[in-house]
Amino acid sequence: MEDKLDEEISALDRLDLNDLEVLRERRLQQMKKMAEKRSRWISLDHGEYTEIFSEKDFFSTIKAKNGTSSSQCFEFCSY
């Protein structure tokens, strides 16, 4: 395990400026994709709970999501 870590450190030490720029660009693209996903999720109300009062509203909400979110359904009984 220690040898593997030493090899990784040595490989990082051998990187030149072009290699670092490639790594930087790759990471920048990953961050942009993550930001786009997060923005899309927010626009689809991902991670928010919404109380739906009728079956019609439920199905129209699910249809609007186009299968992009998983839905959890809870049935509440009134006494």
C-alpha atoms as a PDB file:
ATOM      1  CA  MET A   1       0.000   0.000   0.000  1.00  0.00           C
ATOM      2  CA  GLU A   2       2.814   2.371   0.853  1.00  0.00           C
ATOM      3  CA  ASP A   3       4.580   1.537  -2.425  1.00  0.00           C
ATOM      4  CA  LYS A   4       1.440   2.361  -4.379  1.00  0.00           C
ATOM      5  CA  LEU A   5       1.158   5.722  -2.643  1.00  0.00           C
ATOM      6  CA  ASP A   6       4.823   6.451  -3.363  1.00  0.00           C
ATOM      7  CA  GLU A   7       4.251   5.627  -7.041  1.00  0.00           C
ATOM      8  CA  GLU A   8       1.291   7.997  -7.208  1.00  0.00           C
ATOM      9  CA  ILE A   9       3.312  10.781  -5.590  1.00  0.00           C
ATOM     10  CA  SER A  10       6.176  10.170  -8.029  1.00  0.00           C
ATOM     11  CA  ALA A  11       3.771  10.280 -10.969  1.00  0.00           C
ATOM     12  CA  LEU A  12       2.398  13.609  -9.755  1.00  0.00           C
ATOM     13  CA  ASP A  13       5.926  14.960  -9.332  1.00  0.00           C
ATOM     14  CA  ARG A  14       6.719  14.078 -12.970  1.00  0.00           C
ATOM     15  CA  LEU A  15       3.798  16.090 -14.361  1.00  0.00           C
ATOM     16  CA  ASP A  16       4.752  19.066 -16.484  1.00  0.00           C
ATOM     17  CA  LEU A  17       2.735  22.237 -17.122  1.00  0.00           C
ATOM     18  CA  ASN A  18       0.884  20.735 -20.101  1.00  0.00           C
ATOM     19  CA  ASP A  19      -0.196  17.740 -18.025  1.00  0.00           C
ATOM     20  CA  LEU A  20      -1.412  20.018 -15.270  1.00  0.00           C
ATOM     21  CA  GLU A  21      -3.354  22.107 -17.772  1.00  0.00           C
ATOM     22  CA  VAL A  22      -5.044  18.970 -19.131  1.00  0.00           C
ATOM     23  CA  LEU A  23      -5.997  17.904 -15.600  1.00  0.00           C
ATOM     24  CA  ARG A  24      -7.253  21.403 -14.828  1.00  0.00           C
ATOM     25  CA  GLU A  25      -9.376  21.502 -17.998  1.00  0.00           C
ATOM     26  CA  ARG A  26     -10.815  18.049 -17.308  1.00  0.00           C
ATOM     27  CA  ARG A  27     -11.761  19.062 -13.766  1.00  0.00           C
ATOM     28  CA  LEU A  28     -13.271  22.323 -15.008  1.00  0.00           C
ATOM     29  CA  GLN A  29     -15.485  20.388 -17.436  1.00  0.00           C
ATOM     30  CA  GLN A  30     -16.581  18.052 -14.627  1.00  0.00           C
ATOM     31  CA  MET A  31     -17.506  21.024 -12.460  1.00  0.00           C
ATOM     32  CA  LYS A  32     -19.476  22.624 -15.306  1.00  0.00           C
ATOM     33  CA  LYS A  33     -21.441  19.404 -15.862  1.00  0.00           C
ATOM     34  CA  MET A  34     -22.192  19.167 -12.147  1.00  0.00           C
ATOM     35  CA  ALA A  35     -23.397  22.786 -12.106  1.00  0.00           C
ATOM     36  CA  GLU A  36     -25.645  22.135 -15.119  1.00  0.00           C
ATOM     37  CA  LYS A  37     -27.109  19.038 -13.441  1.00  0.00           C
ATOM     38  CA  ARG A  38     -27.711  20.939 -10.225  1.00  0.00           C
ATOM     39  CA  SER A  39     -29.382  23.756 -12.128  1.00  0.00           C
ATOM     40  CA  ARG A  40     -31.584  21.296 -13.998  1.00  0.00           C
ATOM     41  CA  TRP A  41     -32.546  19.506 -10.787  1.00  0.00           C
ATOM     42  CA  ILE A  42     -33.485  22.801  -9.148  1.00  0.00           C
ATOM     43  CA  SER A  43     -35.619  23.769 -12.144  1.00  0.00           C
ATOM     44  CA  LEU A  44     -37.446  20.421 -11.779  1.00  0.00           C
ATOM     45  CA  ASP A  45     -37.998  20.972  -8.033  1.00  0.00           C
ATOM     46  CA  HIS A  46     -35.656  18.082  -7.247  1.00  0.00           C
ATOM     47  CA  GLY A  47     -35.272  17.493  -3.535  1.00  0.00           C
ATOM     48  CA  GLU A  48     -38.402  19.389  -2.558  1.00  0.00           C
ATOM     49  CA  TYR A  49     -41.539  18.017  -1.004  1.00  0.00           C
ATOM     50  CA  THR A  50     -44.825  19.192  -2.432  1.00  0.00           C
ATOM     51  CA  GLU A  51     -48.193  18.369  -0.988  1.00  0.00           C
ATOM     52  CA  ILE A  52     -50.542  17.210  -3.719  1.00  0.00           C
ATOM     53  CA  PHE A  53     -54.217  17.166  -2.848  1.00  0.00           C
ATOM     54  CA  SER A  54     -55.833  15.377  -5.756  1.00  0.00           C
ATOM     55  CA  GLU A  55     -55.134  12.401  -7.960  1.00  0.00           C
ATOM     56  CA  LYS A  56     -55.386  14.610 -11.047  1.00  0.00           C
ATOM     57  CA  ASP A  57     -52.712  16.974  -9.716  1.00  0.00           C
ATOM     58  CA  PHE A  58     -50.523  14.005  -8.834  1.00  0.00           C
ATOM     59  CA  PHE A  59     -50.571  12.581 -12.343  1.00  0.00           C
ATOM     60  CA  SER A  60     -50.071  15.967 -14.005  1.00  0.00           C
ATOM     61  CA  THR A  61     -47.070  16.598 -11.735  1.00  0.00           C
ATOM     62  CA  ILE A  62     -45.547  13.209 -12.522  1.00  0.00           C
ATOM     63  CA  LYS A  63     -46.187  13.676 -16.230  1.00  0.00           C
ATOM     64  CA  ALA A  64     -44.433  17.072 -16.129  1.00  0.00           C
ATOM     65  CA  LYS A  65     -41.324  15.493 -14.604  1.00  0.00           C
ATOM     66  CA  ASN A  66     -40.900  13.104 -17.562  1.00  0.00           C
ATOM     67  CA  GLY A  67     -39.488  10.431 -15.315  1.00  0.00           C
ATOM     68  CA  THR A  68     -36.607  12.594 -14.138  1.00  0.00           C
ATOM     69  CA  SER A  69     -37.394  12.190 -10.478  1.00  0.00           C
ATOM     70  CA  SER A  70     -38.506   9.397  -8.280  1.00  0.00           C
ATOM     71  CA  SER A  71     -41.735  10.027  -6.488  1.00  0.00           C
ATOM     72  CA  GLN A  72     -42.656   8.975  -3.044  1.00  0.00           C
ATOM     73  CA  CYS A  73     -46.346   8.713  -2.376  1.00  0.00           C
ATOM     74  CA  PHE A  74     -47.845   8.964   1.061  1.00  0.00           C
ATOM     75  CA  GLU A  75     -51.479   8.401   1.839  1.00  0.00           C
ATOM     76  CA  PHE A  76     -52.830  10.443   4.716  1.00  0.00           C
ATOM     77  CA  CYS A  77     -56.034   9.486   6.424  1.00  0.00           C
ATOM     78  CA  SER A  78     -58.285  12.097   7.924  1.00  0.00           C
ATOM     79  CA  TYR A  79     -60.072  11.189  11.114  1.00  0.00           C
END
